[in-house]
Amino acid sequence: MTVTGKSGVNELPGGATIITAPGEEVTLTNIRTGESVTYVITGPTNRRVVRSRL
């Protein structure tokens, strides 16, 4: 898997993170056949750390 393009990370109060990717692509390659496919994966993603209650 190869990811190329531009991305940014914005840390927010409370432990949340927004990751922006206005120009990213991912290329996945089958190592047995050498065949690969490329996908455009633009857009925002968010992440929040949740502490275990155990």
N, C-alpha and C. Protein backbone atom coordinates (compact mmCIF):
# COMPACT_ATOMS: atom_id res chain seq x y z
N MET A 1 0.85 -1.16 0.00
CA MET A 1 0.00 0.00 0.00
C MET A 1 0.90 1.22 0.00
N THR A 2 0.60 2.15 -0.93
CA THR A 2 1.34 3.40 -1.01
C THR A 2 0.35 4.55 -1.02
N VAL A 3 0.51 5.50 -0.10
CA VAL A 3 -0.36 6.68 -0.03
C VAL A 3 0.45 7.87 -0.49
N THR A 4 -0.10 8.65 -1.43
CA THR A 4 0.57 9.84 -1.92
C THR A 4 -0.39 11.03 -1.87
N GLY A 5 0.15 12.22 -1.83
CA GLY A 5 -0.68 13.42 -1.85
C GLY A 5 -0.49 14.26 -0.61
N LYS A 6 -1.37 15.19 -0.46
CA LYS A 6 -1.30 16.18 0.62
C LYS A 6 -2.30 15.83 1.72
N SER A 7 -1.88 15.98 2.97
CA SER A 7 -2.80 15.80 4.10
C SER A 7 -2.37 16.70 5.24
N GLY A 8 -3.28 16.95 6.16
CA GLY A 8 -3.00 17.78 7.31
C GLY A 8 -3.69 17.23 8.54
N VAL A 9 -3.15 17.53 9.71
CA VAL A 9 -3.71 17.06 10.98
C VAL A 9 -4.03 18.26 11.85
N ASN A 10 -5.26 18.32 12.36
CA ASN A 10 -5.69 19.40 13.25
C ASN A 10 -6.10 18.79 14.59
N GLU A 11 -5.35 19.11 15.64
CA GLU A 11 -5.66 18.64 16.99
C GLU A 11 -6.72 19.56 17.58
N LEU A 12 -7.78 18.99 18.14
CA LEU A 12 -8.87 19.75 18.73
C LEU A 12 -8.90 19.55 20.25
N PRO A 13 -9.53 20.47 20.97
CA PRO A 13 -9.67 20.30 22.42
C PRO A 13 -10.42 19.00 22.75
N GLY A 14 -10.09 18.40 23.85
CA GLY A 14 -10.77 17.19 24.29
C GLY A 14 -10.22 15.92 23.69
N GLY A 15 -9.08 16.01 22.99
CA GLY A 15 -8.44 14.81 22.46
C GLY A 15 -8.90 14.40 21.08
N ALA A 16 -9.74 15.17 20.41
CA ALA A 16 -10.19 14.83 19.06
C ALA A 16 -9.19 15.32 18.04
N THR A 17 -9.16 14.66 16.90
CA THR A 17 -8.27 15.02 15.80
C THR A 17 -9.05 14.97 14.50
N ILE A 18 -8.85 15.96 13.63
CA ILE A 18 -9.42 15.93 12.29
C ILE A 18 -8.25 15.85 11.31
N ILE A 19 -8.31 14.86 10.43
CA ILE A 19 -7.28 14.69 9.42
C ILE A 19 -7.90 15.06 8.07
N THR A 20 -7.31 16.04 7.39
CA THR A 20 -7.82 16.45 6.09
C THR A 20 -6.90 15.89 5.00
N ALA A 21 -7.50 15.49 3.89
CA ALA A 21 -6.73 14.91 2.79
C ALA A 21 -7.32 15.38 1.46
N PRO A 22 -7.01 16.63 1.06
CA PRO A 22 -7.63 17.16 -0.14
C PRO A 22 -7.10 16.58 -1.45
N GLY A 23 -6.01 15.88 -1.43
CA GLY A 23 -5.45 15.38 -2.68
C GLY A 23 -4.75 14.05 -2.54
N GLU A 24 -5.30 13.13 -1.75
CA GLU A 24 -4.61 11.86 -1.52
C GLU A 24 -5.12 10.75 -2.42
N GLU A 25 -4.20 9.86 -2.74
CA GLU A 25 -4.50 8.63 -3.46
C GLU A 25 -3.80 7.48 -2.76
N VAL A 26 -4.39 6.29 -2.86
CA VAL A 26 -3.75 5.09 -2.33
C VAL A 26 -3.64 4.09 -3.47
N THR A 27 -2.48 3.46 -3.57
CA THR A 27 -2.27 2.41 -4.55
C THR A 27 -2.04 1.10 -3.80
N LEU A 28 -2.85 0.10 -4.13
CA LEU A 28 -2.75 -1.22 -3.52
C LEU A 28 -2.20 -2.18 -4.57
N THR A 29 -1.20 -2.96 -4.20
CA THR A 29 -0.56 -3.86 -5.15
C THR A 29 -0.60 -5.29 -4.64
N ASN A 30 -1.06 -6.21 -5.48
CA ASN A 30 -1.05 -7.62 -5.17
C ASN A 30 0.38 -8.11 -5.36
N ILE A 31 1.02 -8.54 -4.28
CA ILE A 31 2.44 -8.91 -4.36
C ILE A 31 2.65 -10.22 -5.14
N ARG A 32 1.63 -11.02 -5.28
CA ARG A 32 1.78 -12.27 -6.04
C ARG A 32 1.70 -12.04 -7.55
N THR A 33 0.78 -11.16 -7.98
CA THR A 33 0.56 -10.94 -9.41
C THR A 33 1.19 -9.66 -9.93
N GLY A 34 1.49 -8.72 -9.04
CA GLY A 34 2.00 -7.43 -9.46
C GLY A 34 0.92 -6.46 -9.91
N GLU A 35 -0.33 -6.93 -9.97
CA GLU A 35 -1.44 -6.07 -10.38
C GLU A 35 -1.71 -5.04 -9.29
N SER A 36 -1.98 -3.80 -9.71
CA SER A 36 -2.26 -2.75 -8.73
C SER A 36 -3.48 -1.94 -9.14
N VAL A 37 -4.11 -1.34 -8.15
CA VAL A 37 -5.25 -0.45 -8.36
C VAL A 37 -5.00 0.80 -7.54
N THR A 38 -5.49 1.94 -8.05
CA THR A 38 -5.32 3.21 -7.37
C THR A 38 -6.69 3.81 -7.11
N TYR A 39 -6.88 4.32 -5.89
CA TYR A 39 -8.14 4.94 -5.48
C TYR A 39 -7.87 6.36 -4.99
N VAL A 40 -8.78 7.27 -5.28
CA VAL A 40 -8.75 8.61 -4.73
C VAL A 40 -9.39 8.53 -3.35
N ILE A 41 -8.70 9.02 -2.33
CA ILE A 41 -9.22 8.91 -0.95
C ILE A 41 -9.27 10.28 -0.28
N THR A 42 -9.78 11.27 -1.02
CA THR A 42 -9.85 12.62 -0.47
C THR A 42 -10.97 12.74 0.56
N GLY A 43 -10.84 13.73 1.42
CA GLY A 43 -11.89 14.02 2.38
C GLY A 43 -11.39 14.00 3.81
N PRO A 44 -12.23 14.48 4.73
CA PRO A 44 -11.83 14.52 6.14
C PRO A 44 -12.09 13.20 6.86
N THR A 45 -11.30 12.96 7.88
CA THR A 45 -11.47 11.82 8.77
C THR A 45 -11.32 12.35 10.18
N ASN A 46 -12.08 11.79 11.12
CA ASN A 46 -11.90 12.24 12.50
C ASN A 46 -11.51 11.07 13.37
N ARG A 47 -10.83 11.39 14.46
CA ARG A 47 -10.36 10.38 15.40
C ARG A 47 -10.54 10.91 16.80
N ARG A 48 -11.06 10.09 17.67
CA ARG A 48 -11.19 10.46 19.06
C ARG A 48 -10.71 9.29 19.91
N VAL A 49 -9.85 9.57 20.87
CA VAL A 49 -9.33 8.54 21.76
C VAL A 49 -10.34 8.33 22.87
N VAL A 50 -10.74 7.07 23.05
CA VAL A 50 -11.69 6.72 24.10
C VAL A 50 -10.96 5.85 25.10
N ARG A 51 -10.99 6.23 26.35
CA ARG A 51 -10.30 5.48 27.39
C ARG A 51 -11.13 4.26 27.79
N SER A 52 -10.44 3.18 28.04
CA SER A 52 -11.10 1.94 28.46
C SER A 52 -11.76 2.13 29.81
N ARG A 53 -12.93 1.55 29.97
CA ARG A 53 -13.64 1.64 31.25
C ARG A 53 -13.39 0.42 32.13
N LEU A 54 -12.47 -0.44 31.73
CA LEU A 54 -12.18 -1.65 32.52
C LEU A 54 -11.31 -1.36 33.70
